All heavy atoms as atom14 arrays in JSON, in Angstrom:
{
  "sequence": "QPGLLLLLAVLAPLAALLVYAARRARRDLRALRRV",
  "atom14_mask": [
    [1, 1, 1, 1, 1, 1, 1, 1, 1, 0, 0, 0, 0, 0],
    [1, 1, 1, 1, 1, 1, 1, 0, 0, 0, 0, 0, 0, 0],
    [1, 1, 1, 1, 0, 0, 0, 0, 0, 0, 0, 0, 0, 0],
    [1, 1, 1, 1, 1, 1, 1, 1, 0, 0, 0, 0, 0, 0],
    [1, 1, 1, 1, 1, 1, 1, 1, 0, 0, 0, 0, 0, 0],
    [1, 1, 1, 1, 1, 1, 1, 1, 0, 0, 0, 0, 0, 0],
    [1, 1, 1, 1, 1, 1, 1, 1, 0, 0, 0, 0, 0, 0],
    [1, 1, 1, 1, 1, 1, 1, 1, 0, 0, 0, 0, 0, 0],
    [1, 1, 1, 1, 1, 0, 0, 0, 0, 0, 0, 0, 0, 0],
    [1, 1, 1, 1, 1, 1, 1, 0, 0, 0, 0, 0, 0, 0],
    [1, 1, 1, 1, 1, 1, 1, 1, 0, 0, 0, 0, 0, 0],
    [1, 1, 1, 1, 1, 0, 0, 0, 0, 0, 0, 0, 0, 0],
    [1, 1, 1, 1, 1, 1, 1, 0, 0, 0, 0, 0, 0, 0],
    [1, 1, 1, 1, 1, 1, 1, 1, 0, 0, 0, 0, 0, 0],
    [1, 1, 1, 1, 1, 0, 0, 0, 0, 0, 0, 0, 0, 0],
    [1, 1, 1, 1, 1, 0, 0, 0, 0, 0, 0, 0, 0, 0],
    [1, 1, 1, 1, 1, 1, 1, 1, 0, 0, 0, 0, 0, 0],
    [1, 1, 1, 1, 1, 1, 1, 1, 0, 0, 0, 0, 0, 0],
    [1, 1, 1, 1, 1, 1, 1, 0, 0, 0, 0, 0, 0, 0],
    [1, 1, 1, 1, 1, 1, 1, 1, 1, 1, 1, 1, 0, 0],
    [1, 1, 1, 1, 1, 0, 0, 0, 0, 0, 0, 0, 0, 0],
    [1, 1, 1, 1, 1, 0, 0, 0, 0, 0, 0, 0, 0, 0],
    [1, 1, 1, 1, 1, 1, 1, 1, 1, 1, 1, 0, 0, 0],
    [1, 1, 1, 1, 1, 1, 1, 1, 1, 1, 1, 0, 0, 0],
    [1, 1, 1, 1, 1, 0, 0, 0, 0, 0, 0, 0, 0, 0],
    [1, 1, 1, 1, 1, 1, 1, 1, 1, 1, 1, 0, 0, 0],
    [1, 1, 1, 1, 1, 1, 1, 1, 1, 1, 1, 0, 0, 0],
    [1, 1, 1, 1, 1, 1, 1, 1, 0, 0, 0, 0, 0, 0],
    [1, 1, 1, 1, 1, 1, 1, 1, 0, 0, 0, 0, 0, 0],
    [1, 1, 1, 1, 1, 1, 1, 1, 1, 1, 1, 0, 0, 0],
    [1, 1, 1, 1, 1, 0, 0, 0, 0, 0, 0, 0, 0, 0],
    [1, 1, 1, 1, 1, 1, 1, 1, 0, 0, 0, 0, 0, 0],
    [1, 1, 1, 1, 1, 1, 1, 1, 1, 1, 1, 0, 0, 0],
    [1, 1, 1, 1, 1, 1, 1, 1, 1, 1, 1, 0, 0, 0],
    [1, 1, 1, 1, 1, 1, 1, 0, 0, 0, 0, 0, 0, 0]
  ],
  "atom14_positions": [
    [[11.3, -7.66, -41.87], [11.5, -8.36, -40.59], [10.12, -8.77, -40.04], [9.6, -8.15, -39.11], [12.21, -7.44, -39.59], [13.57, -6.95, -40.04], [14.59, -8.07, -40.1], [14.45, -9.08, -39.41], [15.61, -7.91, -40.93], [0.0, 0.0, 0.0], [0.0, 0.0, 0.0], [0.0, 0.0, 0.0], [0.0, 0.0, 0.0], [0.0, 0.0, 0.0]],
    [[9.51, -9.81, -40.61], [8.14, -10.16, -40.2], [8.03, -10.6, -38.76], [6.95, -10.56, -38.18], [7.76, -11.29, -41.16], [9.07, -11.85, -41.62], [10.02, -10.7, -41.65], [0.0, 0.0, 0.0], [0.0, 0.0, 0.0], [0.0, 0.0, 0.0], [0.0, 0.0, 0.0], [0.0, 0.0, 0.0], [0.0, 0.0, 0.0], [0.0, 0.0, 0.0]],
    [[9.14, -11.03, -38.14], [9.06, -11.46, -36.74], [8.6, -10.36, -35.81], [7.94, -10.61, -34.8], [0.0, 0.0, 0.0], [0.0, 0.0, 0.0], [0.0, 0.0, 0.0], [0.0, 0.0, 0.0], [0.0, 0.0, 0.0], [0.0, 0.0, 0.0], [0.0, 0.0, 0.0], [0.0, 0.0, 0.0], [0.0, 0.0, 0.0], [0.0, 0.0, 0.0]],
    [[8.95, -9.11, -36.16], [8.54, -8.0, -35.31], [7.04, -7.76, -35.33], [6.5, -7.12, -34.43], [9.27, -6.71, -35.73], [10.78, -6.7, -35.46], [11.41, -5.43, -36.01], [11.06, -6.8, -33.97], [0.0, 0.0, 0.0], [0.0, 0.0, 0.0], [0.0, 0.0, 0.0], [0.0, 0.0, 0.0], [0.0, 0.0, 0.0], [0.0, 0.0, 0.0]],
    [[6.37, -8.27, -36.39], [4.92, -8.11, -36.43], [4.23, -8.89, -35.32], [3.06, -8.64, -35.0], [4.38, -8.57, -37.78], [4.82, -7.73, -38.99], [4.16, -8.25, -40.24], [4.48, -6.26, -38.79], [0.0, 0.0, 0.0], [0.0, 0.0, 0.0], [0.0, 0.0, 0.0], [0.0, 0.0, 0.0], [0.0, 0.0, 0.0], [0.0, 0.0, 0.0]],
    [[4.94, -9.84, -34.71], [4.37, -10.57, -33.58], [4.08, -9.63, -32.42], [3.19, -9.89, -31.6], [5.31, -11.69, -33.13], [5.51, -12.85, -34.12], [6.55, -13.83, -33.59], [4.2, -13.56, -34.38], [0.0, 0.0, 0.0], [0.0, 0.0, 0.0], [0.0, 0.0, 0.0], [0.0, 0.0, 0.0], [0.0, 0.0, 0.0], [0.0, 0.0, 0.0]],
    [[4.84, -8.52, -32.36], [4.57, -7.54, -31.3], [3.17, -6.98, -31.42], [2.48, -6.76, -30.42], [5.6, -6.41, -31.35], [7.02, -6.77, -30.91], [7.94, -5.58, -31.14], [7.03, -7.19, -29.45], [0.0, 0.0, 0.0], [0.0, 0.0, 0.0], [0.0, 0.0, 0.0], [0.0, 0.0, 0.0], [0.0, 0.0, 0.0], [0.0, 0.0, 0.0]],
    [[2.74, -6.73, -32.68], [1.38, -6.24, -32.87], [0.36, -7.27, -32.42], [-0.66, -6.93, -31.82], [1.16, -5.88, -34.34], [1.89, -4.63, -34.85], [1.62, -4.45, -36.33], [1.47, -3.4, -34.08], [0.0, 0.0, 0.0], [0.0, 0.0, 0.0], [0.0, 0.0, 0.0], [0.0, 0.0, 0.0], [0.0, 0.0, 0.0], [0.0, 0.0, 0.0]],
    [[0.63, -8.53, -32.71], [-0.3, -9.6, -32.31], [-0.38, -9.71, -30.8], [-1.42, -10.1, -30.24], [0.12, -10.93, -32.93], [0.0, 0.0, 0.0], [0.0, 0.0, 0.0], [0.0, 0.0, 0.0], [0.0, 0.0, 0.0], [0.0, 0.0, 0.0], [0.0, 0.0, 0.0], [0.0, 0.0, 0.0], [0.0, 0.0, 0.0], [0.0, 0.0, 0.0]],
    [[0.73, -9.39, -30.11], [0.73, -9.45, -28.64], [0.12, -8.2, -28.04], [-0.65, -8.26, -27.07], [2.17, -9.66, -28.13], [2.22, -9.54, -26.61], [2.71, -11.01, -28.57], [0.0, 0.0, 0.0], [0.0, 0.0, 0.0], [0.0, 0.0, 0.0], [0.0, 0.0, 0.0], [0.0, 0.0, 0.0], [0.0, 0.0, 0.0], [0.0, 0.0, 0.0]],
    [[0.44, -7.03, -28.61], [-0.03, -5.78, -28.03], [-1.51, -5.55, -28.24], [-2.16, -4.9, -27.41], [0.76, -4.61, -28.63], [2.23, -4.51, -28.22], [2.91, -3.36, -28.93], [2.35, -4.34, -26.7], [0.0, 0.0, 0.0], [0.0, 0.0, 0.0], [0.0, 0.0, 0.0], [0.0, 0.0, 0.0], [0.0, 0.0, 0.0], [0.0, 0.0, 0.0]],
    [[-2.08, -6.06, -29.33], [-3.51, -5.83, -29.58], [-4.39, -6.41, -28.48], [-5.21, -5.7, -27.9], [-3.89, -6.4, -30.96], [0.0, 0.0, 0.0], [0.0, 0.0, 0.0], [0.0, 0.0, 0.0], [0.0, 0.0, 0.0], [0.0, 0.0, 0.0], [0.0, 0.0, 0.0], [0.0, 0.0, 0.0], [0.0, 0.0, 0.0], [0.0, 0.0, 0.0]],
    [[-4.25, -7.7, -28.13], [-5.09, -8.2, -27.02], [-4.73, -7.57, -25.68], [-5.58, -7.42, -24.81], [-4.81, -9.71, -27.02], [-3.52, -9.89, -27.75], [-3.47, -8.79, -28.75], [0.0, 0.0, 0.0], [0.0, 0.0, 0.0], [0.0, 0.0, 0.0], [0.0, 0.0, 0.0], [0.0, 0.0, 0.0], [0.0, 0.0, 0.0], [0.0, 0.0, 0.0]],
    [[-3.44, -7.21, -25.52], [-3.06, -6.55, -24.28], [-3.74, -5.2, -24.14], [-4.22, -4.84, -23.05], [-1.54, -6.39, -24.24], [-0.96, -5.71, -22.99], [-1.31, -6.52, -21.74], [0.55, -5.55, -23.11], [0.0, 0.0, 0.0], [0.0, 0.0, 0.0], [0.0, 0.0, 0.0], [0.0, 0.0, 0.0], [0.0, 0.0, 0.0], [0.0, 0.0, 0.0]],
    [[-3.81, -4.44, -25.24], [-4.49, -3.15, -25.2], [-5.98, -3.34, -24.89], [-6.57, -2.58, -24.11], [-4.31, -2.42, -26.53], [0.0, 0.0, 0.0], [0.0, 0.0, 0.0], [0.0, 0.0, 0.0], [0.0, 0.0, 0.0], [0.0, 0.0, 0.0], [0.0, 0.0, 0.0], [0.0, 0.0, 0.0], [0.0, 0.0, 0.0], [0.0, 0.0, 0.0]],
    [[-6.61, -4.36, -25.5], [-8.01, -4.62, -25.22], [-8.22, -4.99, -23.76], [-9.2, -4.56, -23.13], [-8.51, -5.75, -26.13], [0.0, 0.0, 0.0], [0.0, 0.0, 0.0], [0.0, 0.0, 0.0], [0.0, 0.0, 0.0], [0.0, 0.0, 0.0], [0.0, 0.0, 0.0], [0.0, 0.0, 0.0], [0.0, 0.0, 0.0], [0.0, 0.0, 0.0]],
    [[-7.28, -5.75, -23.19], [-7.37, -6.12, -21.78], [-7.25, -4.89, -20.88], [-7.98, -4.76, -19.87], [-6.28, -7.13, -21.45], [-6.25, -7.66, -20.01], [-7.55, -8.38, -19.69], [-5.06, -8.59, -19.8], [0.0, 0.0, 0.0], [0.0, 0.0, 0.0], [0.0, 0.0, 0.0], [0.0, 0.0, 0.0], [0.0, 0.0, 0.0], [0.0, 0.0, 0.0]],
    [[-6.36, -3.97, -21.23], [-6.19, -2.77, -20.42], [-7.43, -1.88, -20.48], [-7.85, -1.3, -19.47], [-4.97, -1.99, -20.91], [-3.6, -2.63, -20.63], [-2.48, -1.81, -21.25], [-3.38, -2.77, -19.12], [0.0, 0.0, 0.0], [0.0, 0.0, 0.0], [0.0, 0.0, 0.0], [0.0, 0.0, 0.0], [0.0, 0.0, 0.0], [0.0, 0.0, 0.0]],
    [[-8.05, -1.77, -21.66], [-9.29, -0.99, -21.78], [-10.39, -1.61, -20.92], [-11.12, -0.9, -20.2], [-9.72, -0.91, -23.26], [-11.12, -0.32, -23.38], [-8.73, -0.07, -24.05], [0.0, 0.0, 0.0], [0.0, 0.0, 0.0], [0.0, 0.0, 0.0], [0.0, 0.0, 0.0], [0.0, 0.0, 0.0], [0.0, 0.0, 0.0], [0.0, 0.0, 0.0]],
    [[-10.49, -2.93, -20.99], [-11.5, -3.61, -20.17], [-11.23, -3.4, -18.69], [-12.16, -3.15, -17.9], [-11.51, -5.09, -20.51], [-12.37, -5.91, -19.58], [-13.76, -5.93, -19.73], [-11.8, -6.66, -18.55], [-14.55, -6.67, -18.88], [-12.59, -7.41, -17.7], [-13.97, -7.41, -17.85], [-14.75, -8.14, -17.01], [0.0, 0.0, 0.0], [0.0, 0.0, 0.0]],
    [[-9.95, -3.48, -18.29], [-9.62, -3.29, -16.87], [-9.94, -1.88, -16.41], [-10.44, -1.67, -15.28], [-8.14, -3.6, -16.66], [0.0, 0.0, 0.0], [0.0, 0.0, 0.0], [0.0, 0.0, 0.0], [0.0, 0.0, 0.0], [0.0, 0.0, 0.0], [0.0, 0.0, 0.0], [0.0, 0.0, 0.0], [0.0, 0.0, 0.0], [0.0, 0.0, 0.0]],
    [[-9.67, -0.88, -17.27], [-9.97, 0.52, -16.88], [-11.47, 0.71, -16.71], [-11.92, 1.36, -15.76], [-9.41, 1.47, -17.94], [0.0, 0.0, 0.0], [0.0, 0.0, 0.0], [0.0, 0.0, 0.0], [0.0, 0.0, 0.0], [0.0, 0.0, 0.0], [0.0, 0.0, 0.0], [0.0, 0.0, 0.0], [0.0, 0.0, 0.0], [0.0, 0.0, 0.0]],
    [[-12.26, 0.17, -17.62], [-13.71, 0.31, -17.5], [-14.22, -0.43, -16.26], [-15.11, 0.07, -15.55], [-14.38, -0.24, -18.75], [-14.14, 0.64, -19.98], [-14.85, 0.07, -21.18], [-14.67, 0.93, -22.34], [-15.15, 0.67, -23.56], [-15.84, -0.46, -23.75], [-14.95, 1.5, -24.55], [0.0, 0.0, 0.0], [0.0, 0.0, 0.0], [0.0, 0.0, 0.0]],
    [[-13.67, -1.59, -16.01], [-14.09, -2.35, -14.81], [-13.71, -1.59, -13.54], [-14.51, -1.57, -12.57], [-13.4, -3.72, -14.83], [-13.79, -4.62, -13.67], [-15.23, -5.04, -13.77], [-15.59, -5.91, -12.67], [-15.55, -7.24, -12.74], [-15.15, -7.83, -13.87], [-15.91, -7.98, -11.72], [0.0, 0.0, 0.0], [0.0, 0.0, 0.0], [0.0, 0.0, 0.0]],
    [[-12.57, -0.94, -13.51], [-12.16, -0.18, -12.33], [-13.09, 1.0, -12.09], [-13.47, 1.28, -10.93], [-10.71, 0.29, -12.51], [0.0, 0.0, 0.0], [0.0, 0.0, 0.0], [0.0, 0.0, 0.0], [0.0, 0.0, 0.0], [0.0, 0.0, 0.0], [0.0, 0.0, 0.0], [0.0, 0.0, 0.0], [0.0, 0.0, 0.0], [0.0, 0.0, 0.0]],
    [[-13.48, 1.71, -13.17], [-14.4, 2.84, -12.99], [-15.77, 2.36, -12.51], [-16.4, 2.99, -11.63], [-14.54, 3.59, -14.31], [-13.32, 4.42, -14.68], [-13.63, 5.4, -15.79], [-13.98, 4.72, -17.04], [-13.09, 4.39, -17.97], [-11.8, 4.67, -17.77], [-13.47, 3.79, -19.07], [0.0, 0.0, 0.0], [0.0, 0.0, 0.0], [0.0, 0.0, 0.0]],
    [[-16.23, 1.22, -13.04], [-17.52, 0.7, -12.6], [-17.46, 0.27, -11.12], [-18.39, 0.54, -10.35], [-17.91, -0.48, -13.49], [-19.31, -1.01, -13.21], [-19.81, -1.97, -14.29], [-18.94, -3.14, -14.38], [-18.15, -3.38, -15.42], [-18.09, -2.53, -16.43], [-17.41, -4.47, -15.45], [0.0, 0.0, 0.0], [0.0, 0.0, 0.0], [0.0, 0.0, 0.0]],
    [[-16.36, -0.37, -10.72], [-16.23, -0.78, -9.33], [-16.13, 0.43, -8.4], [-16.63, 0.4, -7.26], [-14.99, -1.66, -9.16], [-15.15, -3.01, -9.85], [-16.3, -3.36, -10.2], [-14.12, -3.7, -10.05], [0.0, 0.0, 0.0], [0.0, 0.0, 0.0], [0.0, 0.0, 0.0], [0.0, 0.0, 0.0], [0.0, 0.0, 0.0], [0.0, 0.0, 0.0]],
    [[-15.49, 1.5, -8.87], [-15.38, 2.7, -8.04], [-16.75, 3.33, -7.81], [-17.07, 3.77, -6.69], [-14.43, 3.7, -8.71], [-14.2, 5.02, -7.95], [-13.59, 4.74, -6.57], [-13.29, 5.94, -8.75], [0.0, 0.0, 0.0], [0.0, 0.0, 0.0], [0.0, 0.0, 0.0], [0.0, 0.0, 0.0], [0.0, 0.0, 0.0], [0.0, 0.0, 0.0]],
    [[-17.57, 3.37, -8.86], [-18.91, 3.91, -8.68], [-19.73, 3.04, -7.72], [-20.47, 3.55, -6.86], [-19.62, 4.01, -10.04], [-19.08, 5.12, -10.92], [-20.03, 5.4, -12.08], [-20.13, 4.26, -12.98], [-19.37, 4.08, -14.04], [-18.44, 4.99, -14.34], [-19.53, 3.03, -14.81], [0.0, 0.0, 0.0], [0.0, 0.0, 0.0], [0.0, 0.0, 0.0]],
    [[-19.59, 1.72, -7.82], [-20.32, 0.84, -6.91], [-19.84, 1.03, -5.48], [-20.65, 1.02, -4.52], [-20.12, -0.62, -7.34], [0.0, 0.0, 0.0], [0.0, 0.0, 0.0], [0.0, 0.0, 0.0], [0.0, 0.0, 0.0], [0.0, 0.0, 0.0], [0.0, 0.0, 0.0], [0.0, 0.0, 0.0], [0.0, 0.0, 0.0], [0.0, 0.0, 0.0]],
    [[-18.54, 1.24, -5.27], [-18.0, 1.46, -3.94], [-18.53, 2.74, -3.34], [-18.84, 2.81, -2.14], [-16.47, 1.48, -4.0], [-15.74, 1.69, -2.67], [-16.07, 0.54, -1.71], [-14.24, 1.78, -2.88], [0.0, 0.0, 0.0], [0.0, 0.0, 0.0], [0.0, 0.0, 0.0], [0.0, 0.0, 0.0], [0.0, 0.0, 0.0], [0.0, 0.0, 0.0]],
    [[-18.65, 3.77, -4.17], [-19.2, 5.03, -3.65], [-20.64, 4.85, -3.18], [-21.05, 5.41, -2.16], [-19.13, 6.1, -4.74], [-17.74, 6.65, -4.99], [-17.77, 7.72, -6.08], [-16.46, 8.26, -6.34], [-15.91, 9.26, -5.66], [-16.58, 9.8, -4.65], [-14.7, 9.7, -5.93], [0.0, 0.0, 0.0], [0.0, 0.0, 0.0], [0.0, 0.0, 0.0]],
    [[-21.41, 4.08, -3.95], [-22.79, 3.87, -3.54], [-22.87, 3.07, -2.24], [-23.66, 3.38, -1.34], [-23.56, 3.14, -4.65], [-23.84, 4.0, -5.87], [-24.89, 3.34, -6.76], [-24.42, 2.05, -7.26], [-23.76, 1.89, -8.41], [-23.48, 2.95, -9.16], [-23.38, 0.69, -8.78], [0.0, 0.0, 0.0], [0.0, 0.0, 0.0], [0.0, 0.0, 0.0]],
    [[-22.05, 2.04, -2.09], [-22.08, 1.23, -0.87], [-21.64, 2.04, 0.33], [-22.22, 1.94, 1.43], [-21.19, -0.02, -1.06], [-21.03, -0.76, 0.27], [-21.79, -0.95, -2.1], [0.0, 0.0, 0.0], [0.0, 0.0, 0.0], [0.0, 0.0, 0.0], [0.0, 0.0, 0.0], [0.0, 0.0, 0.0], [0.0, 0.0, 0.0], [0.0, 0.0, 0.0]]
  ]
}
C-alpha cells in the first residue's frame, strides 16, 4: 500500500517544524526572563 508512505513524507517535515518550534519557544522564554 504505497499510498500510506505519503504519511511519512508529511510527518517528517511536520516533526522538524515541531522541533524548531520547541527550540524557538525555549529561546524566547529565556529572552523574556532576561527582559
